[in-house]
Structure formats: structure tokens, C-alpha cells
Protein backbone atom coordinates (compact mmCIF):
# COMPACT_ATOMS: atom_id res chain seq x y z
CA UNK A 1 13.20 -21.55 4.50
CA UNK A 2 13.27 -19.22 1.58
CA UNK A 3 10.14 -17.22 0.86
CA UNK A 4 9.69 -18.86 -2.56
CA UNK A 5 6.47 -16.95 -3.19
CA UNK A 6 8.33 -13.66 -3.24
CA UNK A 7 11.23 -14.80 -5.44
CA UNK A 8 9.54 -15.34 -8.83
CA UNK A 9 11.78 -15.23 -11.92
CA UNK A 10 12.09 -11.88 -13.66
CA UNK A 11 12.19 -11.85 -17.44
CA UNK A 12 14.45 -9.16 -18.83
CA UNK A 13 14.23 -7.93 -22.38
CA UNK A 14 17.82 -7.41 -23.54
CA UNK A 15 16.77 -4.72 -26.08
CA UNK A 16 15.12 -2.53 -23.47
CA UNK A 17 17.23 -3.16 -20.42
CA UNK A 18 20.39 -1.22 -19.44
CA UNK A 19 21.43 -4.28 -17.43
CA UNK A 20 24.25 -6.19 -19.16
CA UNK A 21 24.05 -9.92 -19.88
CA UNK A 22 26.71 -10.81 -17.29
CA UNK A 23 24.61 -9.15 -14.64
CA UNK A 24 21.47 -10.95 -15.84
CA UNK A 25 23.27 -14.28 -15.81
CA UNK A 26 24.62 -13.68 -12.26
CA UNK A 27 21.09 -12.85 -11.14
CA UNK A 28 19.76 -16.12 -12.53
CA UNK A 29 22.51 -17.97 -10.70
CA UNK A 30 21.63 -16.04 -7.52
CA UNK A 31 17.96 -17.07 -7.83
CA UNK A 32 18.85 -20.70 -8.39
CA UNK A 33 21.12 -20.84 -5.36
CA UNK A 34 19.02 -18.67 -3.04
CA UNK A 35 17.25 -21.58 -1.25
CA UNK A 36 20.67 -22.78 0.00
CA UNK A 37 21.99 -19.36 0.98
CA UNK A 38 19.04 -17.66 2.70
CA UNK A 39 16.66 -18.49 5.53
CA UNK A 40 14.40 -15.69 4.22
CA UNK A 41 14.34 -13.77 0.90
CA UNK A 42 11.77 -11.41 -0.42
CA UNK A 43 12.46 -9.60 -3.70
CA UNK A 44 10.15 -6.74 -4.54
CA UNK A 45 9.95 -4.34 -7.49
CA UNK A 46 9.12 -0.67 -6.67
CA UNK A 47 7.65 1.74 -9.15
CA UNK A 48 10.69 4.05 -8.71
CA UNK A 49 14.13 3.46 -7.22
CA UNK A 50 14.65 4.40 -3.61
CA UNK A 51 17.79 6.10 -2.24
CA UNK A 52 16.83 5.19 1.37
CA UNK A 53 15.39 2.42 3.51
CA UNK A 54 14.88 1.99 7.22
CA UNK A 55 13.22 -0.60 9.43
CA UNK A 56 10.73 0.84 11.96
CA UNK A 57 11.42 -0.24 15.56
CA UNK A 58 8.02 -1.89 16.15
CA UNK A 59 7.05 -5.58 15.71
CA UNK A 60 3.49 -6.83 15.49
CA UNK A 61 2.59 -10.47 15.92
CA UNK A 62 -0.63 -12.47 15.34
CA UNK A 63 -2.52 -12.81 18.62
CA UNK A 64 -5.52 -14.81 17.37
CA UNK A 65 -3.66 -18.17 17.54
CA UNK A 66 -4.23 -19.09 13.94
CA UNK A 67 -0.70 -18.14 12.79
CA UNK A 68 1.47 -17.64 15.89
CA UNK A 69 4.65 -17.37 13.78
CA UNK A 70 3.27 -14.59 11.52
CA UNK A 71 4.90 -11.26 12.38
CA UNK A 72 4.79 -7.78 10.80
CA UNK A 73 7.54 -5.20 10.50
CA UNK A 74 7.35 -1.82 8.76
CA UNK A 75 9.77 -0.25 6.31
CA UNK A 76 10.31 3.40 5.38
CA UNK A 77 11.30 4.02 1.74
CA UNK A 78 11.26 6.98 -0.65
CA UNK A 79 11.27 7.66 -4.42
CA UNK A 80 13.87 9.07 -6.74
CA UNK A 81 12.02 10.14 -9.94
CA UNK A 82 14.30 12.98 -11.20
CA UNK A 83 11.14 15.12 -11.73
CA UNK A 84 9.36 12.56 -13.89
CA UNK A 85 6.62 12.08 -11.31
CA UNK A 86 5.54 13.29 -7.90
CA UNK A 87 8.00 12.00 -5.30
CA UNK A 88 6.77 10.45 -2.14
CA UNK A 89 7.78 8.66 0.99
CA UNK A 90 5.91 5.48 1.81
CA UNK A 91 5.50 3.12 4.73
CA UNK A 92 5.38 -0.57 3.82
CA UNK A 93 4.13 -3.38 5.97
CA UNK A 94 6.13 -6.55 5.66
CA UNK A 95 4.44 -9.80 6.89
CA UNK A 96 6.72 -12.81 7.34
CA UNK A 97 6.95 -16.02 9.27
CA UNK A 98 9.49 -15.91 12.13
CA UNK A 99 9.83 -19.72 11.84
CA UNK A 100 8.37 -20.85 8.52
CA UNK A 101 9.12 -24.53 9.24
CA UNK A 102 6.53 -24.51 12.01
CA UNK A 103 3.95 -23.24 9.61
CA UNK A 104 4.26 -25.78 6.79
CA UNK A 105 2.31 -28.96 6.24
CA UNK A 106 2.62 -31.29 3.30
CA UNK A 107 -0.66 -30.18 1.77
CA UNK A 108 0.87 -26.79 0.94
CA UNK A 109 3.67 -28.16 -1.23
CA UNK A 110 3.37 -28.45 -5.02
CA UNK A 111 5.61 -30.57 -7.24
CA UNK A 112 7.39 -28.60 -10.05
CA UNK A 113 8.11 -31.16 -12.78
CA UNK A 114 10.41 -28.78 -14.64
CA UNK A 115 12.64 -28.21 -11.59
CA UNK A 116 12.03 -31.72 -10.27
CA UNK A 117 11.45 -30.39 -6.75
CA UNK A 118 8.66 -29.40 -4.38
CA UNK A 119 7.71 -25.71 -3.93
CA UNK A 120 5.70 -23.85 -1.48
CA UNK A 121 2.65 -22.28 -3.14
CA UNK A 122 2.05 -18.54 -2.91
CA UNK A 123 1.05 -17.36 0.50
CA UNK A 124 -0.95 -14.17 0.02
CA UNK A 125 -0.51 -13.14 3.68
CA UNK A 126 3.18 -12.58 3.15
CA UNK A 127 3.09 -9.96 0.41
CA UNK A 128 4.56 -6.55 1.00
CA UNK A 129 1.92 -3.79 1.03
CA UNK A 130 1.88 -0.01 1.26
CA UNK A 131 0.04 1.30 4.26
CA UNK A 132 0.69 5.04 3.84
CA UNK A 133 2.07 7.38 1.18
CA UNK A 134 3.05 11.05 1.75
CA UNK A 135 3.77 13.16 -1.33
CA UNK A 136 7.05 14.99 -1.12
CA UNK A 137 8.49 18.10 -2.74
CA UNK A 138 11.66 17.15 -4.65
CA UNK A 139 13.73 13.97 -4.69
CA UNK A 140 13.73 11.96 -1.48
CA UNK A 141 17.45 11.74 -0.69
CA UNK A 142 17.12 10.31 2.85
CA UNK A 143 14.43 9.44 5.35
CA UNK A 144 14.84 8.72 9.05
CA UNK A 145 12.32 8.55 11.88
CA UNK A 146 12.88 10.16 15.22
CA UNK A 147 14.06 7.45 17.73
CA UNK A 148 11.90 8.73 20.56
CA UNK A 149 8.76 8.95 18.39
CA UNK A 150 8.78 7.00 15.09
CA UNK A 151 5.74 8.82 13.83
CA UNK A 152 7.99 11.88 13.32
CA UNK A 153 9.94 11.53 10.08
CA UNK A 154 12.65 13.75 8.75
CA UNK A 155 13.32 13.98 5.02
CA UNK A 156 15.99 15.75 2.93
CA UNK A 157 15.72 16.65 -0.77
CA UNK A 158 17.65 18.02 -3.74
CA UNK A 159 16.81 21.68 -3.10
CA UNK A 160 18.51 22.02 0.27
CA UNK A 161 15.39 21.49 2.39
CA UNK A 162 15.19 19.40 5.56
CA UNK A 163 11.52 18.70 6.18
CA UNK A 164 9.85 17.14 9.22
CA UNK A 165 6.51 15.18 8.89
CA UNK A 166 4.23 13.83 11.57
CA UNK A 167 2.75 10.91 9.66
CA UNK A 168 -0.34 10.86 11.90
CA UNK A 169 -1.30 14.28 10.43
CA UNK A 170 -1.56 12.78 6.89
CA UNK A 171 -4.18 10.50 5.40
CA UNK A 172 -3.46 6.81 4.85
CA UNK A 173 -5.75 6.81 1.83
CA UNK A 174 -5.69 9.85 -0.48
CA UNK A 175 -8.87 11.47 -1.63
CA UNK A 176 -9.95 11.35 -5.28
CA UNK A 177 -8.22 13.95 -7.41
CA UNK A 178 -5.68 14.66 -4.64
CA UNK A 179 -3.26 11.83 -5.42
CA UNK A 180 -0.67 14.16 -6.93
CA UNK A 181 -1.00 17.02 -4.39
CA UNK A 182 2.19 17.74 -2.43
CA UNK A 183 1.67 17.20 1.33
CA UNK A 184 2.94 20.10 3.39
CA UNK A 185 5.48 19.15 6.10
CA UNK A 186 4.76 20.03 9.73
CA UNK A 187 8.18 21.78 10.04
CA UNK A 188 10.84 23.17 7.73
CA UNK A 189 14.38 23.30 9.00
CA UNK A 190 16.19 26.16 7.37
CA UNK A 191 19.75 27.53 7.22
CA UNK A 192 19.29 31.26 7.77
CA UNK A 193 22.95 31.87 6.76
CA UNK A 194 22.33 30.88 3.14
CA UNK A 195 20.40 32.57 0.33
CA UNK A 196 18.40 30.80 -2.29
CA UNK A 197 21.34 30.62 -4.68
CA UNK A 198 23.47 28.64 -2.26
CA UNK A 199 21.17 25.72 -1.47
CA UNK A 200 22.36 22.23 -2.31
CA UNK A 201 21.45 18.61 -1.92
CA UNK A 202 21.24 17.24 1.64
CA UNK A 203 22.16 13.59 1.98
CA UNK A 204 23.46 13.72 5.58
CA UNK A 205 21.41 14.03 8.73
CA UNK A 206 20.92 12.13 11.98
CA UNK A 207 18.58 12.32 14.91
CA UNK A 208 20.10 12.63 18.38
CA UNK A 209 19.29 9.48 20.34
CA UNK A 210 19.89 11.18 23.70
CA UNK A 211 17.98 14.51 23.26
CA UNK A 212 14.48 14.20 21.75
CA UNK A 213 13.93 16.56 18.82
CA UNK A 214 17.57 17.39 18.14
CA UNK A 215 18.83 16.75 14.65
CA UNK A 216 22.05 17.51 12.72
CA UNK A 217 22.24 17.97 8.98
CA UNK A 218 24.99 18.52 6.43
CA UNK A 219 24.64 19.68 2.87
CA UNK A 220 26.75 19.34 -0.31
CA UNK A 221 27.55 22.99 0.03
CA UNK A 222 29.37 22.29 3.34
CA UNK A 223 26.81 23.72 5.76
CA UNK A 224 26.46 21.72 8.97
CA UNK A 225 23.53 22.70 11.23
CA UNK A 226 21.96 21.45 14.48
CA UNK A 227 18.31 22.08 15.12
CA UNK A 228 16.04 21.53 18.16
CA UNK A 229 12.58 21.09 16.80
CA UNK A 230 10.95 20.57 20.22
CA UNK A 231 12.02 23.79 21.86
CA UNK A 232 11.58 25.72 18.64
CA UNK A 233 8.07 24.35 18.11
CA UNK A 234 7.04 25.37 21.66
CA UNK A 235 8.20 28.96 21.16
CA UNK A 236 7.34 29.56 17.52
CA UNK A 237 3.84 29.77 15.99
CA UNK A 238 5.10 29.17 12.42
CA UNK A 239 6.58 26.01 10.84
CA UNK A 240 10.06 27.44 10.17
CA UNK A 241 12.86 26.22 12.54
CA UNK A 242 16.24 27.85 12.49
CA UNK A 243 19.43 26.21 13.61
CA UNK A 244 20.99 26.92 17.01
CA UNK A 245 24.52 25.68 16.06
CA UNK A 246 26.24 25.78 12.69
CA UNK A 247 29.57 25.21 11.05
CA UNK A 248 30.77 25.82 7.43
CA UNK A 249 32.92 23.06 6.04
CA UNK A 250 35.13 23.60 2.97
CA UNK A 251 33.55 20.74 1.09
CA UNK A 252 30.36 18.71 0.74
CA UNK A 253 29.13 16.59 3.66
CA UNK A 254 28.11 13.02 2.68
CA UNK A 255 27.09 11.52 6.04
CA UNK A 256 26.68 12.35 9.74
CA UNK A 257 26.09 10.28 12.83
CA UNK A 258 25.85 11.19 16.52
CA UNK A 259 28.13 9.30 18.85
CA UNK A 260 25.95 6.72 20.83
CA UNK A 261 25.37 7.73 24.43
CA UNK A 262 26.45 11.32 23.78
CA UNK A 263 24.16 14.29 23.19
CA UNK A 264 26.85 16.80 21.86
CA UNK A 265 29.39 14.88 19.77
CA UNK A 266 28.90 13.71 16.17
CA UNK A 267 31.05 12.36 13.35
CA UNK A 268 30.96 13.53 9.70
CA UNK A 269 32.07 11.97 6.42
CA UNK A 270 33.18 14.65 3.92
CA UNK A 271 33.87 14.87 0.22
CA UNK A 272 37.54 15.80 0.57
CA UNK A 273 38.34 12.51 2.39
CA UNK A 274 37.95 13.94 5.89
CA UNK A 275 36.38 12.21 8.85
CA UNK A 276 35.69 14.93 11.38
CA UNK A 277 34.61 14.87 15.01
CA UNK A 278 32.50 17.80 16.17
CA UNK A 279 31.54 18.86 19.73
CA UNK A 280 28.78 21.47 19.74
CA UNK A 281 29.84 22.55 23.28
CA UNK A 282 33.41 23.35 22.34
CA UNK A 283 34.72 26.81 21.39
CA UNK A 284 36.80 25.17 18.69
CA UNK A 285 33.98 23.46 16.83
CA UNK A 286 35.88 20.91 14.79
CA UNK A 287 37.62 18.90 17.50
CA UNK A 288 39.47 16.22 15.48
CA UNK A 289 39.94 15.21 11.87
CA UNK A 290 41.30 12.26 9.89
CA UNK A 291 42.21 12.62 6.22
CA UNK A 292 41.79 9.79 3.68
CA UNK A 293 43.00 9.68 0.12
CA UNK A 294 39.45 9.15 -1.15
CA UNK A 295 36.14 10.89 -0.50
CA UNK A 296 34.28 9.38 2.44
CA UNK A 297 30.68 8.55 1.65
CA UNK A 298 29.48 7.06 4.85
CA UNK A 299 30.30 6.72 8.61
CA UNK A 300 28.91 4.47 11.34
CA UNK A 301 29.84 4.61 15.00
CA UNK A 302 29.93 1.25 16.71
CA UNK A 303 26.96 0.90 19.13
CA UNK A 304 29.10 -1.14 21.55
CA UNK A 305 32.27 1.00 21.39
CA UNK A 306 31.74 4.72 20.78
CA UNK A 307 35.41 5.18 19.92
CA UNK A 308 35.23 2.79 16.96
CA UNK A 309 34.08 4.32 13.62
CA UNK A 310 33.64 2.50 10.31
CA UNK A 311 34.04 4.46 7.05
CA UNK A 312 33.04 3.76 3.50
CA UNK A 313 34.98 5.29 0.64
CA UNK A 314 34.52 6.22 -3.02
CA UNK A 315 37.20 3.76 -4.16
CA UNK A 316 35.20 0.82 -2.63
CA UNK A 317 37.24 0.88 0.66
CA UNK A 318 36.21 0.10 4.21
CA UNK A 319 38.12 1.73 7.04
CA UNK A 320 38.07 1.34 10.80
CA UNK A 321 39.10 4.37 12.93
CA UNK A 322 39.71 4.96 16.62
CA UNK A 323 38.57 8.58 17.19
CA UNK A 324 40.87 8.83 20.21
CA UNK A 325 43.77 8.78 17.76
CA UNK A 326 43.08 9.91 14.22
CA UNK A 327 46.64 9.97 13.03
CA UNK A 328 45.93 6.85 11.03
CA UNK A 329 43.34 4.09 10.56
CA UNK A 330 43.20 0.90 12.62
CA UNK A 331 42.24 -1.23 9.59
CA UNK A 332 41.70 -0.73 5.86
CA UNK A 333 40.51 -3.01 3.04
CA UNK A 334 38.88 -2.63 -0.35
CA UNK A 335 35.97 -5.11 -0.43
CA UNK A 336 34.10 -3.50 -3.30
CA UNK A 337 34.83 -2.72 -6.95
CA UNK A 338 32.94 0.61 -6.89
CA UNK A 339 31.98 3.37 -4.47
CA UNK A 340 30.66 2.35 -1.00
CA UNK A 341 27.21 3.90 -0.50
CA UNK A 342 26.51 2.86 3.04
CA UNK A 343 28.34 1.38 6.00
CA UNK A 344 26.53 0.23 9.13
CA UNK A 345 27.43 -1.73 12.23
CA UNK A 346 25.28 -4.64 13.35
CA UNK A 347 23.03 -3.44 16.20
CA UNK A 348 23.70 -6.59 18.35
CA UNK A 349 26.92 -8.20 17.20
CA UNK A 350 29.33 -5.31 17.50
CA UNK A 351 32.15 -6.92 15.55
CA UNK A 352 30.03 -7.20 12.38
CA UNK A 353 29.78 -4.39 9.91
CA UNK A 354 27.76 -4.26 6.61
CA UNK A 355 28.64 -2.27 3.46
CA UNK A 356 26.67 -1.61 0.27
CA UNK A 357 28.11 -0.39 -2.95
CA UNK A 358 27.47 0.86 -6.50
CA UNK A 359 29.00 -2.52 -7.57
CA UNK A 360 25.53 -4.08 -6.85
CA UNK A 361 26.66 -5.91 -3.69
CA UNK A 362 25.86 -5.80 0.00
CA UNK A 363 28.63 -7.38 2.07
CA UNK A 364 28.76 -8.43 5.73
CA UNK A 365 32.15 -8.39 7.46
CA UNK A 366 33.32 -9.96 10.73
CA UNK A 367 36.05 -7.61 11.98
CA UNK A 368 37.04 -10.05 14.72
CA UNK A 369 37.95 -12.80 12.29
CA UNK A 370 40.99 -13.25 10.08
CA UNK A 371 38.62 -14.08 7.16
CA UNK A 372 36.64 -10.85 7.24
CA UNK A 373 33.95 -11.62 4.69
CA UNK A 374 30.91 -13.28 6.22
CA UNK A 375 28.34 -13.04 3.45
CA UNK A 376 27.64 -11.11 0.27
CA UNK A 377 24.17 -10.46 -1.19
CA UNK A 378 24.32 -10.53 -4.97
CA UNK A 379 20.60 -10.15 -5.82
CA UNK A 380 20.53 -6.56 -7.02
CA UNK A 381 21.23 -5.86 -10.71
CA UNK A 382 22.22 -2.20 -10.35
CA UNK A 383 24.04 -0.18 -7.63
CA UNK A 384 22.76 -0.49 -4.06
CA UNK A 385 21.79 2.82 -2.48
CA UNK A 386 21.08 1.92 1.08
CA UNK A 387 20.48 -0.95 3.55
CA UNK A 388 19.33 -1.33 7.13
CA UNK A 389 19.42 -3.96 9.85
CA UNK A 390 16.18 -5.22 11.46
CA UNK A 391 15.93 -4.61 15.22
CA UNK A 392 13.92 -7.81 15.77
CA UNK A 393 15.57 -10.46 13.56
CA UNK A 394 19.33 -10.66 14.18
CA UNK A 395 20.33 -11.12 10.53
CA UNK A 396 17.43 -9.64 8.59
CA UNK A 397 18.43 -6.82 6.25
CA UNK A 398 16.50 -4.59 3.82
CA UNK A 399 18.30 -3.16 0.84
CA UNK A 400 17.32 -0.88 -2.10
CA UNK A 401 18.97 -0.34 -5.42
CA UNK A 402 18.84 1.61 -8.69
CA UNK A 403 17.03 -1.33 -10.43
CA UNK A 404 13.86 -0.35 -8.49
CA UNK A 405 14.32 -3.33 -6.24
CA UNK A 406 13.57 -3.67 -2.51
CA UNK A 407 15.08 -6.84 -1.03
CA UNK A 408 14.48 -8.16 2.50
CA UNK A 409 16.80 -11.10 3.24
CA UNK A 410 18.26 -13.15 5.98
CA UNK A 411 21.44 -15.32 5.42
CA UNK A 412 21.12 -18.99 6.29
CA UNK A 413 22.09 -19.50 9.93
CA UNK A 414 24.32 -22.47 8.97
CA UNK A 415 26.63 -19.82 7.43
CA UNK A 416 26.73 -17.89 10.69
CA UNK A 417 27.32 -20.62 13.25
CA UNK A 418 29.78 -18.53 15.27
CA UNK A 419 26.97 -16.07 16.23
CA UNK A 420 24.43 -17.31 18.77
């Protein structure tokens, strides 16, 4: 069932909106058809757009017996205010029914005479709510929690800083007159090779899933650094952590990801079209490289096959590489009309990869099928910045876009019958 309560129509003033009429019309069509296309859909408007979104790994379920199908997941999002307000990272709690059909009785339905159909009245329990906000210095370019301890959150900003917060050290409810105070991070990860004039945006970093506390970052100035916050914290009384491995690329780094199951090898997406494989144990630090005709914005290593890497490109292209042979790509297509902003493999179905783009779409692709396109989400009215897969619902996805929207959605299973 579609979460009708969370999908109320949005009125747009043509004189004040930068969204063109064709996009508005497409959105109205999307809203009208959403009950047939989605098993779950929640559209939410944020105060500011977010460049980043991530599902937390935990799942909470009702235990009192009143609503056994009611579950809670948490989402991590940031703000992108361009200095117009105090930026922050926030944790949202998302209640939803795992099987809405089991929770409905006829008394809850209201007849809409205009639409000539029955609708489910608003269920207050299923509204997204903010459970914690941490004020942040500079734009929030990216947020990711540490896999071994989700209370530890890394954040990158527009002034070249990689910050680490322990969310348990910050208040859930801010004190009066302190709402706009910047919260100090627990650790600052610095590049000691750069001076203040060389700092640049950091959009790329990734926690190591094998070694707790190890994180790699890449900046738009080309600096790639690996830090170990655990060992540094034990030996240092301050909050500054310096890198223990570094490399200087000739161009900006757009994305990084550690190879699953490996503690020393990671893959980078770079602005000159390169996809590079680095081994921090090797004397020759850059081990392999593949060169594309277009800048590479995102990389994702397949969780079921560590040799298989998906790439998203500035021309809207999607590529599949085998890192054992980077002389050429295994597969290429151009599913988007604008730059790909994120590419990410499904955590369970290893043949499925998702892409988001500045063309306002999120697309799901089945790489094992001749007809690659599985589903496309057309609900955003401006470019999509990021998306993430839920770890508890096979097809649930959260996506954020420049129109201040946060969508949580799940395609109808009748469209995905080949996946069980």
C-alpha cells in the first residue's frame, strides 16, 4: 500500500518557483500514478536541501502488541545552506508499517468524492521526525557513520575539513539561546601536507569495514589520505588526527570506496575520468587505473563480487568494470540525460545497481537482464544528490534532491517478480 498520508499534493506558485511547468506536470502525473507503482512512498519537505542521505543499520519494532507491523528506521541527512543559515546534520526517525495491509480495517477508510475513491486517513504515528540535530561548521557535503559503531559519524565540508562526531556526546534537545551555536567535533582529521591556501571541498570518504576506525578521504585538490582515528586517539591527548598514508592525485577526487572484505585496497573516482585502484601496502601506491572520456562522479564496488565496480559519469553514463583488467569496461550505457551523482549496488541482489542523477531521476538497473531498466523514480522536481538502500527492507530507498525533498520509497513488488 502507498503511504497516502505522506503524499499530499504540493501547490507550486509558477511566479516564485524555479521549477518549469513540464516538471510540475510530470510531478502531478507521478502523484496520480504512485498508488500503482509503489508499495510504500513517503515524500517529505526539508527546510534546506541535503547533499547526503544514509540509512542507519538498526531496526526497531513495536513490542507492546498493539501495532506489531509498526517499525522504525533512522536516517542521517545534512543541510546545504550556502552560508544562509547554520548548517547541521540531523538524525530522523522514520516510522512505517512493514505490512500495511495487516493494519487496515474498513473504519479507517474515507471516501473522497472528488477522486471517487477511498483513501486512508492520516496516521500520525507514521510521520518522519527529527530526533537529534548537531550544528556543523560549513556545508555538509557528505555524512557516513562508522560501520562498527554507528554513533560515530564522519562529515566533510567545503573548507577541506573531515570531522568526526560522537553523537552521544551531543544533546538531543538544544538549550535555549544555543540553537545556533556550532557543535565542536570530537576529532578533526587534517592533511599536514597542505597549508590553509590549498584546502578544498571534500566530497569523497569511506570508512573501512574491516578495520575499525580507519577512514580514507579525497579532496577536490587531489589529496588522498588514510587516517586511523582509533590508534591516534589512544596516543594523542588533542583532537587533531594526522594521516598515516597519503597520495597526491593530479585532479579532484569525487568518490572513494574500500573494496569489500579487504582492509588495504580502495577504488577512487577522479575528475579527469580515471578510476584508480590503490593499495596502501604497495610501494607503488597507485596500482591500476582506467581512463574514461568523461569525469567519474561515483564508484561502487559490488558487495558480492569485489572485482566488479560500477561507475557513474558526468555525461549521464553508467559503466561496469572488472578491476582485474582495466584495459576497457565490461559494459557501458547512458541511462540519464544529465550527470550521475551516485551509483550504488543493491546490498542483497548483487546484479542490481541504482543510479541517481541531476536529471531528477533515480533508476534501478538489473545487469543480469537484457532489459536493464527495472524501475525509475520520477518524484523529485530538481536534481537528485544522493540515495541509499535500506538494510532491512529489500527494495526500500531514501533519496534527497535540490528541491529540499526527502523521499523514502519502495517499488511495488509486482514490478519485481523475478526477485524473491
